[in-house]
Amino acid sequence: MTALARSTPAASLKRALFAVLLALGLAGCGLNSVPTADEKVNAAWGNLQSEYQRRADLVPNLVATVKGYAQQEKSVLVEVTNARARATSIQLNANDLSDPAKVKAFQDAQNQLGGSLGRLLATFEAYPDLKSNQNFLTLQAQLEGTENSILVARRDYNESVRQYNTLIRTFPTAIGAKVFYGAKPKVPFEASAGAQTAPKVDFNTNAG
C-alpha cells in the first residue's frame, strides 16, 4: 500500500501531462474549428432556405392577381403553381448538405420554379391594366427583392461551404475532422443557365 501511495502523485502527474499534450494535439488538429465552420454552413443554409421559402410564399398571391387579368395564360399559371408545389415538397435539412443527390434534387426544383416565374413575368407586358394594379406592383417589388436576396444568400452559402471543405481537407485539421466528426464535404449550389439573373420585372421598357 505504501509503494502504491508513493506512486500515485507521479501517476497523476503523468496523466495530467498526457491530458495537456492530448489537448494541445487536438487543438493542433483543428478539433474546435470544425464544428464552428459546420455551424457557419448551417447558418448560411438557413438564410438561403428562408429566402427560397419567401419566394414560394409570394407565388400564390402573384398567381391569384394575374388570374383576374390574364385568364388566357392559364397554362403558364398552372406551370408556376405546379413548380411551386414541387419546390416546397422537397425538404433539405442541414444533415443532407453532404448528399449530392439530395442537394441536386432541391436545386433542380428551385430552378424550375425560378424558370416558371420568369416565363410568367415575360407575359405581363401584354396586359396594361395588370401593370397598373397596386397589388401586382407590390408583388413585383417583393419578388424582385427576393430573387436578389436569393443570389446573395446562395453566394454566402457557397463561400461557407468552400471554407468548410477546405478546412476538413487541410492537414492537420483533417485529422480531427475525420477521426472525431467523420466530417464529409458539403455540396455547394451550382449555377444553372440563367441562374445569375433574377426574373425581369421591369415593366417600363415600353413606356411612352
N, C-alpha and C. Protein backbone atom coordinates (compact mmCIF):
# COMPACT_ATOMS: atom_id res chain seq x y z
N MET A 1 0.82 -1.20 0.00
CA MET A 1 0.00 0.00 0.00
C MET A 1 0.86 1.27 0.00
N THR A 2 2.02 1.17 0.78
CA THR A 2 2.91 2.34 0.86
C THR A 2 3.53 2.67 -0.49
N ALA A 3 3.96 1.62 -1.19
CA ALA A 3 4.56 1.83 -2.51
C ALA A 3 3.54 2.40 -3.48
N LEU A 4 2.31 1.89 -3.38
CA LEU A 4 1.25 2.37 -4.27
C LEU A 4 0.94 3.82 -3.99
N ALA A 5 0.93 4.14 -2.67
CA ALA A 5 0.63 5.53 -2.30
C ALA A 5 1.72 6.46 -2.81
N ARG A 6 3.01 5.99 -2.72
CA ARG A 6 4.10 6.84 -3.19
C ARG A 6 4.06 7.06 -4.70
N SER A 7 3.53 6.08 -5.45
CA SER A 7 3.50 6.20 -6.91
C SER A 7 2.31 7.00 -7.42
N THR A 8 1.34 7.22 -6.59
CA THR A 8 0.11 7.90 -7.03
C THR A 8 0.37 9.32 -7.52
N PRO A 9 1.11 10.14 -6.80
CA PRO A 9 1.36 11.51 -7.31
C PRO A 9 2.06 11.51 -8.67
N ALA A 10 3.02 10.62 -8.86
CA ALA A 10 3.73 10.55 -10.14
C ALA A 10 2.79 10.12 -11.25
N ALA A 11 1.94 9.12 -10.92
CA ALA A 11 0.99 8.65 -11.93
C ALA A 11 0.01 9.75 -12.29
N SER A 12 -0.42 10.48 -11.26
CA SER A 12 -1.36 11.58 -11.50
C SER A 12 -0.72 12.66 -12.37
N LEU A 13 0.56 12.92 -12.09
CA LEU A 13 1.28 13.93 -12.89
C LEU A 13 1.40 13.49 -14.34
N LYS A 14 1.66 12.21 -14.53
CA LYS A 14 1.77 11.69 -15.89
C LYS A 14 0.43 11.80 -16.63
N ARG A 15 -0.64 11.47 -15.90
CA ARG A 15 -1.97 11.56 -16.52
C ARG A 15 -2.30 13.00 -16.88
N ALA A 16 -1.96 13.91 -15.98
CA ALA A 16 -2.22 15.33 -16.23
C ALA A 16 -1.42 15.82 -17.43
N LEU A 17 -0.16 15.40 -17.47
CA LEU A 17 0.70 15.80 -18.59
C LEU A 17 0.17 15.23 -19.90
N PHE A 18 -0.27 13.97 -19.84
CA PHE A 18 -0.83 13.34 -21.04
C PHE A 18 -2.07 14.09 -21.52
N ALA A 19 -2.91 14.50 -20.55
CA ALA A 19 -4.14 15.22 -20.90
C ALA A 19 -3.81 16.55 -21.57
N VAL A 20 -2.79 17.24 -21.03
CA VAL A 20 -2.39 18.52 -21.61
C VAL A 20 -1.86 18.33 -23.02
N LEU A 21 -1.01 17.31 -23.18
CA LEU A 21 -0.45 17.05 -24.52
C LEU A 21 -1.54 16.64 -25.50
N LEU A 22 -2.51 15.86 -25.00
CA LEU A 22 -3.62 15.45 -25.87
C LEU A 22 -4.44 16.65 -26.30
N ALA A 23 -4.71 17.55 -25.34
CA ALA A 23 -5.49 18.75 -25.66
C ALA A 23 -4.77 19.61 -26.68
N LEU A 24 -3.45 19.76 -26.48
CA LEU A 24 -2.67 20.55 -27.43
C LEU A 24 -2.66 19.90 -28.82
N GLY A 25 -2.56 18.57 -28.80
CA GLY A 25 -2.56 17.86 -30.08
C GLY A 25 -3.88 18.00 -30.81
N LEU A 26 -4.96 17.91 -30.04
CA LEU A 26 -6.28 18.04 -30.66
C LEU A 26 -6.50 19.45 -31.17
N ALA A 27 -6.01 20.43 -30.39
CA ALA A 27 -6.13 21.81 -30.84
C ALA A 27 -5.35 22.01 -32.13
N GLY A 28 -4.18 21.36 -32.20
CA GLY A 28 -3.37 21.46 -33.41
C GLY A 28 -4.05 20.82 -34.61
N CYS A 29 -4.92 19.86 -34.35
CA CYS A 29 -5.65 19.20 -35.43
C CYS A 29 -6.93 19.95 -35.81
N GLY A 30 -7.14 21.12 -35.19
CA GLY A 30 -8.31 21.93 -35.53
C GLY A 30 -9.61 21.36 -35.04
N LEU A 31 -9.58 20.64 -33.91
CA LEU A 31 -10.79 19.99 -33.42
C LEU A 31 -11.92 20.98 -33.17
N ASN A 32 -11.59 22.15 -32.63
CA ASN A 32 -12.62 23.14 -32.31
C ASN A 32 -13.09 23.92 -33.54
N SER A 33 -12.24 24.02 -34.53
CA SER A 33 -12.60 24.83 -35.70
C SER A 33 -13.59 24.13 -36.62
N VAL A 34 -13.62 22.80 -36.57
CA VAL A 34 -14.51 22.05 -37.46
C VAL A 34 -15.99 22.31 -37.14
N PRO A 35 -16.44 22.15 -35.87
CA PRO A 35 -17.85 22.43 -35.60
C PRO A 35 -18.21 23.90 -35.82
N THR A 36 -17.25 24.80 -35.59
CA THR A 36 -17.52 26.21 -35.84
C THR A 36 -17.81 26.46 -37.32
N ALA A 37 -16.98 25.87 -38.17
CA ALA A 37 -17.20 26.01 -39.61
C ALA A 37 -18.48 25.33 -40.05
N ASP A 38 -18.79 24.20 -39.41
CA ASP A 38 -20.02 23.47 -39.74
C ASP A 38 -21.25 24.31 -39.40
N GLU A 39 -21.23 24.95 -38.25
CA GLU A 39 -22.35 25.79 -37.85
C GLU A 39 -22.49 27.01 -38.77
N LYS A 40 -21.38 27.49 -39.28
CA LYS A 40 -21.43 28.62 -40.21
C LYS A 40 -22.14 28.20 -41.50
N VAL A 41 -21.83 26.99 -41.97
CA VAL A 41 -22.51 26.47 -43.16
C VAL A 41 -24.01 26.33 -42.89
N ASN A 42 -24.35 25.77 -41.73
CA ASN A 42 -25.75 25.57 -41.40
C ASN A 42 -26.51 26.89 -41.31
N ALA A 43 -25.86 27.90 -40.75
CA ALA A 43 -26.49 29.22 -40.65
C ALA A 43 -26.71 29.82 -42.03
N ALA A 44 -25.71 29.70 -42.89
CA ALA A 44 -25.84 30.22 -44.26
C ALA A 44 -26.93 29.48 -45.01
N TRP A 45 -27.02 28.16 -44.78
CA TRP A 45 -28.07 27.38 -45.42
C TRP A 45 -29.44 27.82 -44.93
N GLY A 46 -29.56 28.08 -43.63
CA GLY A 46 -30.84 28.54 -43.08
C GLY A 46 -31.29 29.85 -43.72
N ASN A 47 -30.34 30.76 -43.94
CA ASN A 47 -30.68 32.03 -44.58
C ASN A 47 -31.14 31.82 -46.02
N LEU A 48 -30.45 30.94 -46.75
CA LEU A 48 -30.83 30.66 -48.13
C LEU A 48 -32.19 30.00 -48.18
N GLN A 49 -32.42 29.04 -47.31
CA GLN A 49 -33.70 28.34 -47.26
C GLN A 49 -34.83 29.31 -46.96
N SER A 50 -34.57 30.28 -46.09
CA SER A 50 -35.58 31.28 -45.75
C SER A 50 -35.95 32.12 -46.96
N GLU A 51 -34.96 32.47 -47.78
CA GLU A 51 -35.24 33.26 -48.99
C GLU A 51 -36.03 32.45 -50.01
N TYR A 52 -35.71 31.16 -50.16
CA TYR A 52 -36.49 30.32 -51.06
C TYR A 52 -37.93 30.20 -50.58
N GLN A 53 -38.11 30.09 -49.26
CA GLN A 53 -39.46 29.99 -48.72
C GLN A 53 -40.23 31.29 -48.94
N ARG A 54 -39.54 32.42 -48.81
CA ARG A 54 -40.19 33.72 -49.04
C ARG A 54 -40.68 33.82 -50.49
N ARG A 55 -39.88 33.33 -51.42
CA ARG A 55 -40.31 33.34 -52.82
C ARG A 55 -41.54 32.45 -53.00
N ALA A 56 -41.52 31.27 -52.40
CA ALA A 56 -42.65 30.35 -52.52
C ALA A 56 -43.91 30.97 -51.93
N ASP A 57 -43.77 31.73 -50.86
CA ASP A 57 -44.94 32.36 -50.23
C ASP A 57 -45.54 33.45 -51.11
N LEU A 58 -44.73 34.05 -51.98
CA LEU A 58 -45.24 35.10 -52.86
C LEU A 58 -46.04 34.55 -54.04
N VAL A 59 -45.73 33.32 -54.44
CA VAL A 59 -46.32 32.76 -55.66
C VAL A 59 -47.84 32.70 -55.64
N PRO A 60 -48.49 32.19 -54.58
CA PRO A 60 -49.96 32.11 -54.61
C PRO A 60 -50.63 33.47 -54.83
N ASN A 61 -50.13 34.51 -54.16
CA ASN A 61 -50.71 35.85 -54.35
C ASN A 61 -50.46 36.37 -55.76
N LEU A 62 -49.28 36.08 -56.29
CA LEU A 62 -48.97 36.50 -57.65
C LEU A 62 -49.90 35.83 -58.64
N VAL A 63 -50.09 34.52 -58.51
CA VAL A 63 -50.97 33.77 -59.41
C VAL A 63 -52.40 34.28 -59.30
N ALA A 64 -52.87 34.52 -58.07
CA ALA A 64 -54.25 34.99 -57.88
C ALA A 64 -54.46 36.35 -58.51
N THR A 65 -53.47 37.22 -58.41
CA THR A 65 -53.58 38.56 -59.00
C THR A 65 -53.62 38.50 -60.52
N VAL A 66 -52.75 37.69 -61.11
CA VAL A 66 -52.69 37.59 -62.57
C VAL A 66 -53.96 36.95 -63.12
N LYS A 67 -54.54 36.01 -62.43
CA LYS A 67 -55.74 35.32 -62.91
C LYS A 67 -56.86 36.30 -63.25
N GLY A 68 -56.96 37.36 -62.49
CA GLY A 68 -58.04 38.30 -62.72
C GLY A 68 -57.87 39.12 -63.97
N TYR A 69 -56.68 39.12 -64.54
CA TYR A 69 -56.41 39.95 -65.71
C TYR A 69 -56.02 39.14 -66.94
N ALA A 70 -55.55 37.94 -66.73
CA ALA A 70 -54.99 37.17 -67.85
C ALA A 70 -55.46 35.72 -67.79
N GLN A 71 -56.75 35.52 -67.92
CA GLN A 71 -57.30 34.17 -67.85
C GLN A 71 -56.72 33.27 -68.94
N GLN A 72 -56.38 33.86 -70.08
CA GLN A 72 -55.87 33.07 -71.19
C GLN A 72 -54.47 32.52 -70.94
N GLU A 73 -53.82 32.99 -69.90
CA GLU A 73 -52.48 32.49 -69.56
C GLU A 73 -52.56 31.33 -68.56
N LYS A 74 -53.66 30.60 -68.64
CA LYS A 74 -53.89 29.53 -67.66
C LYS A 74 -52.75 28.52 -67.62
N SER A 75 -52.24 28.14 -68.80
CA SER A 75 -51.19 27.12 -68.83
C SER A 75 -49.94 27.58 -68.08
N VAL A 76 -49.60 28.88 -68.21
CA VAL A 76 -48.43 29.41 -67.52
C VAL A 76 -48.67 29.45 -66.02
N LEU A 77 -49.90 29.81 -65.63
CA LEU A 77 -50.23 29.87 -64.21
C LEU A 77 -50.18 28.48 -63.58
N VAL A 78 -50.68 27.49 -64.31
CA VAL A 78 -50.64 26.11 -63.81
C VAL A 78 -49.20 25.64 -63.68
N GLU A 79 -48.37 26.01 -64.64
CA GLU A 79 -46.95 25.63 -64.60
C GLU A 79 -46.28 26.19 -63.35
N VAL A 80 -46.54 27.45 -63.06
CA VAL A 80 -45.95 28.09 -61.88
C VAL A 80 -46.45 27.43 -60.60
N THR A 81 -47.74 27.16 -60.55
CA THR A 81 -48.33 26.53 -59.36
C THR A 81 -47.73 25.15 -59.13
N ASN A 82 -47.60 24.37 -60.20
CA ASN A 82 -47.03 23.02 -60.08
C ASN A 82 -45.55 23.07 -59.69
N ALA A 83 -44.83 24.05 -60.26
CA ALA A 83 -43.41 24.18 -59.94
C ALA A 83 -43.24 24.55 -58.46
N ARG A 84 -44.12 25.40 -57.96
CA ARG A 84 -44.07 25.76 -56.54
C ARG A 84 -44.32 24.53 -55.66
N ALA A 85 -45.29 23.73 -56.06
CA ALA A 85 -45.62 22.52 -55.29
C ALA A 85 -44.42 21.58 -55.23
N ARG A 86 -43.73 21.42 -56.36
CA ARG A 86 -42.55 20.55 -56.38
C ARG A 86 -41.43 21.12 -55.50
N ALA A 87 -41.23 22.43 -55.60
CA ALA A 87 -40.15 23.07 -54.85
C ALA A 87 -40.38 22.97 -53.35
N THR A 88 -41.62 23.14 -52.91
CA THR A 88 -41.89 23.10 -51.48
C THR A 88 -42.01 21.68 -50.94
N SER A 89 -42.15 20.70 -51.82
CA SER A 89 -42.29 19.31 -51.37
C SER A 89 -40.93 18.67 -51.08
N ILE A 90 -39.86 19.24 -51.64
CA ILE A 90 -38.52 18.69 -51.43
C ILE A 90 -37.88 19.41 -50.27
N GLN A 91 -37.74 18.72 -49.15
CA GLN A 91 -37.16 19.30 -47.95
C GLN A 91 -35.70 18.89 -47.83
N LEU A 92 -34.87 19.84 -47.51
CA LEU A 92 -33.44 19.60 -47.37
C LEU A 92 -32.99 20.19 -46.04
N ASN A 93 -32.53 19.33 -45.12
CA ASN A 93 -32.06 19.84 -43.84
C ASN A 93 -30.54 19.85 -43.80
N ALA A 94 -30.01 20.35 -42.69
CA ALA A 94 -28.55 20.51 -42.58
C ALA A 94 -27.81 19.19 -42.72
N ASN A 95 -28.42 18.09 -42.29
CA ASN A 95 -27.77 16.79 -42.38
C ASN A 95 -27.67 16.27 -43.82
N ASP A 96 -28.45 16.88 -44.73
CA ASP A 96 -28.46 16.44 -46.12
C ASP A 96 -27.46 17.20 -46.99
N LEU A 97 -26.78 18.18 -46.42
CA LEU A 97 -25.93 19.05 -47.23
C LEU A 97 -24.67 18.38 -47.74
N SER A 98 -24.40 17.14 -47.27
CA SER A 98 -23.27 16.38 -47.78
C SER A 98 -23.70 15.33 -48.80
N ASP A 99 -24.98 15.33 -49.15
CA ASP A 99 -25.54 14.35 -50.09
C ASP A 99 -25.77 15.02 -51.44
N PRO A 100 -24.91 14.79 -52.43
CA PRO A 100 -25.04 15.46 -53.73
C PRO A 100 -26.39 15.23 -54.40
N ALA A 101 -26.95 14.02 -54.28
CA ALA A 101 -28.22 13.71 -54.95
C ALA A 101 -29.36 14.54 -54.36
N LYS A 102 -29.39 14.66 -53.04
CA LYS A 102 -30.47 15.42 -52.39
C LYS A 102 -30.34 16.91 -52.67
N VAL A 103 -29.11 17.41 -52.64
CA VAL A 103 -28.89 18.83 -52.93
C VAL A 103 -29.28 19.13 -54.37
N LYS A 104 -28.94 18.25 -55.29
CA LYS A 104 -29.28 18.46 -56.70
C LYS A 104 -30.79 18.45 -56.90
N ALA A 105 -31.49 17.52 -56.25
CA ALA A 105 -32.95 17.46 -56.39
C ALA A 105 -33.58 18.75 -55.89
N PHE A 106 -33.10 19.25 -54.78
CA PHE A 106 -33.62 20.50 -54.24
C PHE A 106 -33.34 21.66 -55.19
N GLN A 107 -32.12 21.74 -55.66
CA GLN A 107 -31.74 22.83 -56.55
C GLN A 107 -32.51 22.77 -57.86
N ASP A 108 -32.69 21.58 -58.42
CA ASP A 108 -33.43 21.45 -59.67
C ASP A 108 -34.86 21.95 -59.52
N ALA A 109 -35.48 21.60 -58.38
CA ALA A 109 -36.86 22.04 -58.15
C ALA A 109 -36.93 23.56 -58.02
N GLN A 110 -35.96 24.16 -57.32
CA GLN A 110 -35.95 25.61 -57.19
C GLN A 110 -35.68 26.29 -58.52
N ASN A 111 -34.81 25.70 -59.33
CA ASN A 111 -34.53 26.27 -60.65
C ASN A 111 -35.76 26.21 -61.54
N GLN A 112 -36.53 25.13 -61.44
CA GLN A 112 -37.76 25.01 -62.23
C GLN A 112 -38.76 26.09 -61.84
N LEU A 113 -38.86 26.34 -60.53
CA LEU A 113 -39.77 27.40 -60.08
C LEU A 113 -39.30 28.75 -60.58
N GLY A 114 -38.00 29.01 -60.48
CA GLY A 114 -37.48 30.29 -60.97
C GLY A 114 -37.71 30.47 -62.46
N GLY A 115 -37.52 29.40 -63.24
CA GLY A 115 -37.77 29.48 -64.68
C GLY A 115 -39.23 29.72 -65.00
N SER A 116 -40.12 29.07 -64.27
CA SER A 116 -41.56 29.26 -64.49
C SER A 116 -41.98 30.68 -64.16
N LEU A 117 -41.44 31.23 -63.10
CA LEU A 117 -41.76 32.62 -62.76
C LEU A 117 -41.25 33.57 -63.83
N GLY A 118 -40.07 33.28 -64.36
CA GLY A 118 -39.54 34.12 -65.43
C GLY A 118 -40.45 34.12 -66.65
N ARG A 119 -40.96 32.95 -67.02
CA ARG A 119 -41.87 32.86 -68.18
C ARG A 119 -43.19 33.57 -67.89
N LEU A 120 -43.67 33.46 -66.66
CA LEU A 120 -44.92 34.15 -66.31
C LEU A 120 -44.74 35.66 -66.38
N LEU A 121 -43.66 36.16 -65.82
CA LEU A 121 -43.42 37.59 -65.82
C LEU A 121 -43.24 38.13 -67.23
N ALA A 122 -42.72 37.31 -68.13
CA ALA A 122 -42.50 37.75 -69.51
C ALA A 122 -43.80 37.99 -70.25
N THR A 123 -44.92 37.45 -69.76
CA THR A 123 -46.20 37.63 -70.45
C THR A 123 -46.93 38.90 -70.01
N PHE A 124 -46.45 39.55 -68.96
CA PHE A 124 -47.21 40.65 -68.38
C PHE A 124 -47.27 41.90 -69.25
N GLU A 125 -46.31 42.05 -70.17
CA GLU A 125 -46.27 43.25 -70.99
C GLU A 125 -47.54 43.41 -71.82
N ALA A 126 -48.24 42.32 -72.07
CA ALA A 126 -49.46 42.37 -72.91
C ALA A 126 -50.69 42.83 -72.14
N TYR A 127 -50.55 43.12 -70.83
CA TYR A 127 -51.72 43.44 -70.00
C TYR A 127 -51.52 44.77 -69.27
N PRO A 128 -51.84 45.90 -69.96
CA PRO A 128 -51.64 47.22 -69.35
C PRO A 128 -52.38 47.39 -68.03
N ASP A 129 -53.60 46.85 -67.93
CA ASP A 129 -54.36 47.01 -66.69
C ASP A 129 -53.67 46.31 -65.52
N LEU A 130 -53.09 45.18 -65.81
CA LEU A 130 -52.40 44.45 -64.76
C LEU A 130 -51.20 45.25 -64.25
N LYS A 131 -50.51 45.91 -65.17
CA LYS A 131 -49.31 46.65 -64.81
C LYS A 131 -49.62 47.86 -63.93
N SER A 132 -50.87 48.29 -63.90
CA SER A 132 -51.25 49.43 -63.06
C SER A 132 -51.92 48.98 -61.76
N ASN A 133 -52.05 47.67 -61.57
CA ASN A 133 -52.67 47.15 -60.36
C ASN A 133 -51.70 47.27 -59.19
N GLN A 134 -52.15 47.94 -58.11
CA GLN A 134 -51.25 48.21 -56.99
C GLN A 134 -50.77 46.93 -56.31
N ASN A 135 -51.66 45.96 -56.20
CA ASN A 135 -51.28 44.69 -55.57
C ASN A 135 -50.19 44.00 -56.38
N PHE A 136 -50.36 44.04 -57.71
CA PHE A 136 -49.35 43.44 -58.57
C PHE A 136 -48.02 44.17 -58.46
N LEU A 137 -48.06 45.50 -58.43
CA LEU A 137 -46.83 46.28 -58.33
C LEU A 137 -46.08 45.97 -57.04
N THR A 138 -46.86 45.76 -55.94
CA THR A 138 -46.23 45.41 -54.67
C THR A 138 -45.58 44.04 -54.76
N LEU A 139 -46.29 43.08 -55.36
CA LEU A 139 -45.73 41.74 -55.52
C LEU A 139 -44.50 41.76 -56.42
N GLN A 140 -44.57 42.60 -57.45
CA GLN A 140 -43.43 42.75 -58.36
C GLN A 140 -42.18 43.17 -57.59
N ALA A 141 -42.32 44.19 -56.74
CA ALA A 141 -41.18 44.70 -55.98
C ALA A 141 -40.67 43.64 -54.99
N GLN A 142 -41.60 42.95 -54.35
CA GLN A 142 -41.21 41.92 -53.39
C GLN A 142 -40.49 40.76 -54.06
N LEU A 143 -40.98 40.37 -55.23
CA LEU A 143 -40.35 39.26 -55.94
C LEU A 143 -38.96 39.63 -56.41
N GLU A 144 -38.82 40.85 -56.93
CA GLU A 144 -37.51 41.30 -57.39
C GLU A 144 -36.51 41.30 -56.23
N GLY A 145 -36.95 41.82 -55.07
CA GLY A 145 -36.08 41.85 -53.91
C GLY A 145 -35.71 40.46 -53.43
N THR A 146 -36.68 39.54 -53.49
CA THR A 146 -36.42 38.17 -53.05
C THR A 146 -35.44 37.46 -53.97
N GLU A 147 -35.59 37.63 -55.27
CA GLU A 147 -34.66 37.00 -56.20
C GLU A 147 -33.23 37.50 -55.98
N ASN A 148 -33.09 38.79 -55.73
CA ASN A 148 -31.76 39.33 -55.47
C ASN A 148 -31.20 38.79 -54.16
N SER A 149 -32.09 38.65 -53.16
CA SER A 149 -31.65 38.11 -51.86
C SER A 149 -31.23 36.65 -51.99
N ILE A 150 -31.91 35.90 -52.85
CA ILE A 150 -31.54 34.51 -53.08
C ILE A 150 -30.13 34.42 -53.66
N LEU A 151 -29.82 35.29 -54.60
CA LEU A 151 -28.47 35.28 -55.20
C LEU A 151 -27.40 35.56 -54.15
N VAL A 152 -27.67 36.54 -53.28
CA VAL A 152 -26.70 36.88 -52.24
C VAL A 152 -26.56 35.73 -51.25
N ALA A 153 -27.71 35.17 -50.81
CA ALA A 153 -27.67 34.08 -49.83
C ALA A 153 -27.00 32.84 -50.40
N ARG A 154 -27.19 32.60 -51.70
CA ARG A 154 -26.55 31.45 -52.32
C ARG A 154 -25.03 31.64 -52.39
N ARG A 155 -24.60 32.85 -52.68
CA ARG A 155 -23.16 33.12 -52.69
C ARG A 155 -22.56 32.95 -51.29
N ASP A 156 -23.27 33.44 -50.28
CA ASP A 156 -22.79 33.31 -48.90
C ASP A 156 -22.70 31.85 -48.49
N TYR A 157 -23.71 31.07 -48.87
CA TYR A 157 -23.70 29.65 -48.54
C TYR A 157 -22.53 28.95 -49.22
N ASN A 158 -22.34 29.20 -50.50
CA ASN A 158 -21.24 28.57 -51.23
C ASN A 158 -19.88 28.94 -50.66
N GLU A 159 -19.73 30.18 -50.19
CA GLU A 159 -18.47 30.59 -49.60
C GLU A 159 -18.24 29.86 -48.27
N SER A 160 -19.29 29.69 -47.48
CA SER A 160 -19.17 28.95 -46.23
C SER A 160 -18.82 27.49 -46.49
N VAL A 161 -19.41 26.92 -47.53
CA VAL A 161 -19.11 25.54 -47.90
C VAL A 161 -17.65 25.42 -48.35
N ARG A 162 -17.19 26.39 -49.13
CA ARG A 162 -15.80 26.36 -49.60
C ARG A 162 -14.84 26.38 -48.42
N GLN A 163 -15.11 27.25 -47.45
CA GLN A 163 -14.24 27.35 -46.28
C GLN A 163 -14.27 26.05 -45.47
N TYR A 164 -15.45 25.48 -45.29
CA TYR A 164 -15.58 24.24 -44.52
C TYR A 164 -14.86 23.09 -45.22
N ASN A 165 -15.10 22.95 -46.51
CA ASN A 165 -14.47 21.86 -47.26
C ASN A 165 -12.95 21.98 -47.27
N THR A 166 -12.46 23.21 -47.36
CA THR A 166 -11.01 23.42 -47.30
C THR A 166 -10.46 23.03 -45.93
N LEU A 167 -11.20 23.40 -44.89
CA LEU A 167 -10.76 23.11 -43.52
C LEU A 167 -10.64 21.61 -43.26
N ILE A 168 -11.64 20.85 -43.67
CA ILE A 168 -11.63 19.42 -43.34
C ILE A 168 -10.71 18.61 -44.25
N ARG A 169 -10.15 19.26 -45.27
CA ARG A 169 -9.23 18.57 -46.16
C ARG A 169 -7.77 19.00 -45.97
N THR A 170 -7.56 19.95 -45.08
CA THR A 170 -6.23 20.52 -44.90
C THR A 170 -5.57 19.95 -43.63
N PHE A 171 -4.33 19.50 -43.77
CA PHE A 171 -3.59 19.00 -42.62
C PHE A 171 -3.15 20.18 -41.76
N PRO A 172 -3.22 20.08 -40.40
CA PRO A 172 -3.61 18.90 -39.63
C PRO A 172 -5.09 18.83 -39.27
N THR A 173 -5.88 19.85 -39.70
CA THR A 173 -7.29 19.87 -39.34
C THR A 173 -8.02 18.62 -39.80
N ALA A 174 -7.59 18.09 -40.93
CA ALA A 174 -8.26 16.91 -41.49
C ALA A 174 -8.24 15.73 -40.53
N ILE A 175 -7.22 15.67 -39.65
CA ILE A 175 -7.13 14.55 -38.71
C ILE A 175 -8.30 14.57 -37.74
N GLY A 176 -8.48 15.72 -37.06
CA GLY A 176 -9.59 15.84 -36.11
C GLY A 176 -10.94 15.74 -36.78
N ALA A 177 -11.05 16.32 -37.98
CA ALA A 177 -12.33 16.29 -38.70
C ALA A 177 -12.74 14.86 -39.02
N LYS A 178 -11.78 14.05 -39.42
CA LYS A 178 -12.06 12.67 -39.82
C LYS A 178 -12.29 11.77 -38.62
N VAL A 179 -11.38 11.85 -37.64
CA VAL A 179 -11.40 10.92 -36.50
C VAL A 179 -12.57 11.20 -35.56
N PHE A 180 -12.79 12.47 -35.23
CA PHE A 180 -13.77 12.81 -34.20
C PHE A 180 -15.15 13.16 -34.75
N TYR A 181 -15.23 13.64 -35.97
CA TYR A 181 -16.52 14.10 -36.50
C TYR A 181 -16.98 13.32 -37.73
N GLY A 182 -16.09 12.54 -38.32
CA GLY A 182 -16.48 11.86 -39.55
C GLY A 182 -16.94 12.85 -40.60
N ALA A 183 -16.26 14.00 -40.63
CA ALA A 183 -16.70 15.10 -41.49
C ALA A 183 -16.67 14.72 -42.97
N LYS A 184 -17.72 15.12 -43.67
CA LYS A 184 -17.81 14.90 -45.11
C LYS A 184 -17.96 16.26 -45.80
N PRO A 185 -17.45 16.40 -47.02
CA PRO A 185 -17.58 17.67 -47.74
C PRO A 185 -19.05 18.06 -47.93
N LYS A 186 -19.33 19.34 -47.80
CA LYS A 186 -20.66 19.86 -48.09
C LYS A 186 -20.78 20.12 -49.59
N VAL A 187 -22.01 20.14 -50.07
CA VAL A 187 -22.25 20.31 -51.51
C VAL A 187 -22.67 21.76 -51.79
N PRO A 188 -21.94 22.47 -52.63
CA PRO A 188 -22.34 23.84 -52.98
C PRO A 188 -23.46 23.83 -54.02
N PHE A 189 -24.12 24.95 -54.15
CA PHE A 189 -25.13 25.10 -55.20
C PHE A 189 -24.44 25.53 -56.48
N GLU A 190 -24.71 24.81 -57.55
CA GLU A 190 -24.14 25.13 -58.84
C GLU A 190 -25.06 26.07 -59.60
N ALA A 191 -24.48 27.02 -60.29
CA ALA A 191 -25.29 27.94 -61.08
C ALA A 191 -25.80 27.26 -62.32
N SER A 192 -27.10 27.34 -62.54
CA SER A 192 -27.69 26.80 -63.77
C SER A 192 -27.76 27.91 -64.81
N ALA A 193 -28.14 27.54 -66.01
CA ALA A 193 -28.22 28.53 -67.09
C ALA A 193 -29.21 29.63 -66.70
N GLY A 194 -28.72 30.87 -66.65
CA GLY A 194 -29.57 31.99 -66.32
C GLY A 194 -29.81 32.18 -64.84
N ALA A 195 -29.21 31.35 -63.99
CA ALA A 195 -29.48 31.43 -62.56
C ALA A 195 -28.93 32.71 -61.95
N GLN A 196 -27.93 33.30 -62.58
CA GLN A 196 -27.34 34.51 -62.01
C GLN A 196 -28.17 35.76 -62.32
N THR A 197 -29.23 35.60 -63.11
CA THR A 197 -30.07 36.73 -63.47
C THR A 197 -31.45 36.55 -62.88
N ALA A 198 -31.87 37.50 -62.06
CA ALA A 198 -33.20 37.42 -61.48
C ALA A 198 -34.24 37.63 -62.57
N PRO A 199 -35.47 37.07 -62.41
CA PRO A 199 -36.51 37.27 -63.41
C PRO A 199 -36.75 38.75 -63.67
N LYS A 200 -36.92 39.12 -64.92
CA LYS A 200 -37.10 40.52 -65.30
C LYS A 200 -38.48 40.99 -64.87
N VAL A 201 -38.50 42.03 -64.05
CA VAL A 201 -39.77 42.53 -63.55
C VAL A 201 -39.91 44.03 -63.79
N ASP A 202 -39.19 44.56 -64.77
CA ASP A 202 -39.30 45.97 -65.12
C ASP A 202 -40.29 46.11 -66.26
N PHE A 203 -41.41 46.80 -65.99
CA PHE A 203 -42.48 46.90 -66.98
C PHE A 203 -42.55 48.28 -67.62
N ASN A 204 -41.47 49.02 -67.52
CA ASN A 204 -41.46 50.37 -68.05
C ASN A 204 -40.67 50.48 -69.36
N THR A 205 -40.26 49.34 -69.93
CA THR A 205 -39.41 49.38 -71.12
C THR A 205 -40.15 49.97 -72.32
N ASN A 206 -41.48 49.82 -72.35
CA ASN A 206 -42.23 50.34 -73.50
C ASN A 206 -42.97 51.63 -73.17
N ALA A 207 -42.66 52.21 -72.04
CA ALA A 207 -43.37 53.42 -71.64
C ALA A 207 -43.12 54.53 -72.65
N GLY A 208 -44.18 55.30 -72.91
CA GLY A 208 -44.05 56.43 -73.83
C GLY A 208 -44.04 55.99 -75.25
